[in-house]
Every structure is written in C-alpha cells, then in structure tokens.
Protein backbone atom coordinates (compact mmCIF):
# COMPACT_ATOMS: atom_id res chain seq x y z
CA MET A 1 -52.57 -4.76 12.95
CA PRO A 2 -53.57 -1.53 11.00
CA SER A 3 -57.06 -1.32 9.26
CA ASN A 4 -56.71 -1.65 5.21
CA GLU A 5 -57.60 2.30 5.12
CA GLU A 6 -54.43 2.81 7.26
CA ILE A 7 -52.39 0.66 5.30
CA PHE A 8 -53.55 2.55 2.09
CA GLU A 9 -52.87 5.76 3.58
CA LYS A 10 -49.11 4.90 4.64
CA VAL A 11 -48.37 3.21 1.23
CA GLN A 12 -49.98 6.28 -0.53
CA GLU A 13 -47.65 8.43 1.57
CA ALA A 14 -44.74 6.26 0.57
CA LEU A 15 -45.34 6.53 -3.09
CA VAL A 16 -46.03 10.16 -3.13
CA ASP A 17 -42.75 10.76 -1.47
CA ALA A 18 -40.67 8.25 -3.34
CA LEU A 19 -42.18 9.09 -6.76
CA GLY A 20 -43.04 12.72 -6.47
CA VAL A 21 -46.71 12.08 -7.73
CA ASP A 22 -49.76 14.02 -6.14
CA ASP A 23 -51.93 12.20 -3.53
CA ASP A 24 -54.98 11.86 -5.91
CA GLU A 25 -52.93 9.95 -8.50
CA VAL A 26 -52.31 7.32 -5.89
CA THR A 27 -55.25 5.40 -6.03
CA PRO A 28 -55.74 1.47 -5.38
CA GLN A 29 -55.99 0.83 -9.03
CA ALA A 30 -53.29 2.79 -10.24
CA THR A 31 -50.26 0.74 -11.56
CA LEU A 32 -47.02 1.74 -10.36
CA GLN A 33 -45.03 1.71 -13.71
CA GLY A 34 -47.94 2.61 -16.10
CA ASP A 35 -49.79 5.31 -13.95
CA LEU A 36 -47.24 6.53 -11.56
CA ASP A 37 -44.05 6.20 -13.66
CA ALA A 38 -42.00 4.43 -11.23
CA GLU A 39 -38.68 2.89 -12.36
CA SER A 40 -36.75 0.21 -11.15
CA ILE A 41 -34.55 2.32 -9.26
CA ASP A 42 -37.67 3.93 -7.45
CA PHE A 43 -38.62 0.54 -5.90
CA LEU A 44 -35.33 0.63 -3.72
CA ASP A 45 -36.79 3.78 -2.25
CA ILE A 46 -40.34 2.67 -2.06
CA VAL A 47 -39.01 -0.46 -0.04
CA PHE A 48 -37.16 1.60 2.21
CA ARG A 49 -40.17 3.91 2.78
CA LEU A 50 -42.41 0.86 3.52
CA GLU A 51 -39.93 -0.93 5.99
CA LYS A 52 -39.90 2.46 7.86
CA ALA A 53 -43.47 3.19 7.88
CA PHE A 54 -44.67 -0.27 8.79
CA ASP A 55 -41.47 -1.56 10.70
CA ILE A 56 -41.28 -4.44 8.71
CA LYS A 57 -38.17 -5.86 6.82
CA ILE A 58 -38.49 -6.53 3.20
CA GLU A 59 -36.15 -9.08 1.69
CA ARG A 60 -34.65 -8.70 -1.56
CA GLY A 61 -36.95 -10.18 -4.28
CA GLU A 62 -39.72 -10.63 -1.72
CA LEU A 63 -41.97 -8.06 -3.58
CA PHE A 64 -40.63 -8.27 -7.00
CA PRO A 65 -39.02 -11.95 -7.26
CA GLU A 66 -36.70 -11.04 -10.22
CA ASP A 67 -34.91 -14.33 -9.56
CA ILE A 68 -37.95 -16.07 -11.12
CA LEU A 69 -38.15 -13.69 -14.00
CA THR A 70 -34.36 -14.13 -15.03
CA ASN A 71 -34.37 -18.00 -14.52
CA SER A 72 -34.38 -20.00 -17.97
CA GLU A 73 -36.32 -22.67 -16.01
CA TYR A 74 -39.26 -20.39 -15.96
CA VAL A 75 -38.57 -17.94 -19.09
CA GLN A 76 -38.39 -18.76 -22.49
CA ASP A 77 -38.21 -16.29 -25.33
CA GLY A 78 -39.06 -13.30 -22.64
CA LYS A 79 -42.28 -14.96 -21.43
CA VAL A 80 -42.84 -16.72 -18.23
CA ASN A 81 -43.81 -20.36 -18.67
CA ALA A 82 -46.85 -22.13 -16.83
CA GLU A 83 -44.05 -23.62 -14.07
CA GLY A 84 -43.21 -19.86 -13.66
CA ILE A 85 -46.57 -18.44 -13.22
CA ALA A 86 -46.93 -21.14 -10.46
CA LYS A 87 -43.92 -19.93 -8.64
CA LEU A 88 -44.77 -16.29 -9.03
CA LYS A 89 -48.43 -16.92 -7.44
CA GLU A 90 -46.69 -19.01 -4.79
CA ARG A 91 -44.15 -15.93 -4.00
CA MET A 92 -46.53 -13.18 -4.74
CA PRO A 93 -49.95 -14.23 -3.24
CA PHE A 94 -50.76 -10.59 -2.57
CA ALA A 95 -50.95 -9.68 -6.38
CA ASP A 96 -53.56 -10.32 -8.96
CA LEU A 97 -51.52 -12.05 -11.76
CA SER A 98 -54.62 -12.69 -13.67
CA LYS A 99 -53.99 -9.98 -16.36
CA PHE A 100 -50.39 -11.10 -16.40
CA GLU A 101 -51.02 -14.40 -16.86
CA SER A 102 -52.94 -13.84 -20.18
CA ASN A 103 -49.97 -12.38 -21.62
CA PRO A 104 -46.97 -13.28 -19.38
CA ILE A 105 -44.24 -11.13 -21.15
CA VAL A 106 -41.50 -10.57 -18.44
CA GLN A 107 -41.66 -6.72 -18.67
CA ASN A 108 -45.45 -6.67 -18.10
CA LEU A 109 -45.12 -7.78 -14.48
CA ALA A 110 -43.78 -4.75 -13.26
CA GLN A 111 -45.95 -2.63 -15.22
CA GLU A 112 -48.98 -4.44 -13.84
CA LEU A 113 -48.52 -4.16 -10.23
CA THR A 114 -50.93 -1.86 -8.64
CA VAL A 115 -51.03 0.17 -5.58
CA GLN A 116 -53.91 -2.10 -4.01
CA ASP A 117 -51.03 -5.19 -4.78
CA MET A 118 -48.52 -3.15 -2.53
CA CYS A 119 -51.18 -2.60 0.12
CA ASN A 120 -51.93 -6.51 0.02
CA PHE A 121 -48.13 -7.10 0.27
CA VAL A 122 -47.87 -4.85 3.22
CA ALA A 123 -51.02 -6.37 4.99
CA HIS A 124 -49.48 -10.03 4.03
CA LYS A 125 -46.29 -9.00 5.73
CA LEU A 126 -47.91 -7.60 8.96
CA ALA A 127 -50.14 -10.98 9.24
CA SER A 128 -46.96 -13.25 9.02
C-alpha cells in the first residue's frame, strides 16, 4: 500500500493532467470545482487517470453517488434530507460531509469535494 504522500503525489499528478492546473494549486484543501474549476465532464477523465495510476477499478457512482442526489426519496426541493445524508455518509466514508450537512443543497456536494477527499477515496479503495 502506498504512503499518504505517494497517494497525494499521484492524485495531484492526475488532477494537474486532467484539469490543466499547476502543481501548487493542487493542495489537500483545494476543492475540485471551486478552486480547480473541475466540471462534471472532467470527473470522467479524473476517474480514468486514478484507475490507471493506482491500478484500481472505480465503478460509476462510487466516487460521486449521483443516484442518491437524483432520487426523490432523498432529495426534496434541491436539498438532501437526513436519510439522504445518511446514505451519502455510508457511500462516501472517505469524504468530510460536515460542511455539506449544514447546507445540503445538491449542487454544493460537488463544489465541496477536496483533493484530500480524493486521496482518502483512493486510500479507501486500495485498502478494500
């Protein structure tokens, strides 16, 4: 299993290549959409690069569970309800959802995912 530093370096490289940003912009605290300007189409490229870099398979919806975010059972008026938050925490144990929980507007989730969340996701995948 690679060290946290090695995971960060490979995640950083994948994000630099996929998003055309500079190394120094890709910090653990940087948000993928807010700070690095990732768009939904970029996530396909990011997933591909992470799969290749770490020799892992990332299933659709595993990194970003859009099936929960589009389910009327969990989302009302554009906000994720308590049951939906619980599902997200179950599916995304690698992400810190505390900020999202305080204002669970669907669009906010992607905006709050950080580089560290991506590193945690990879570590989680490699450990399982």
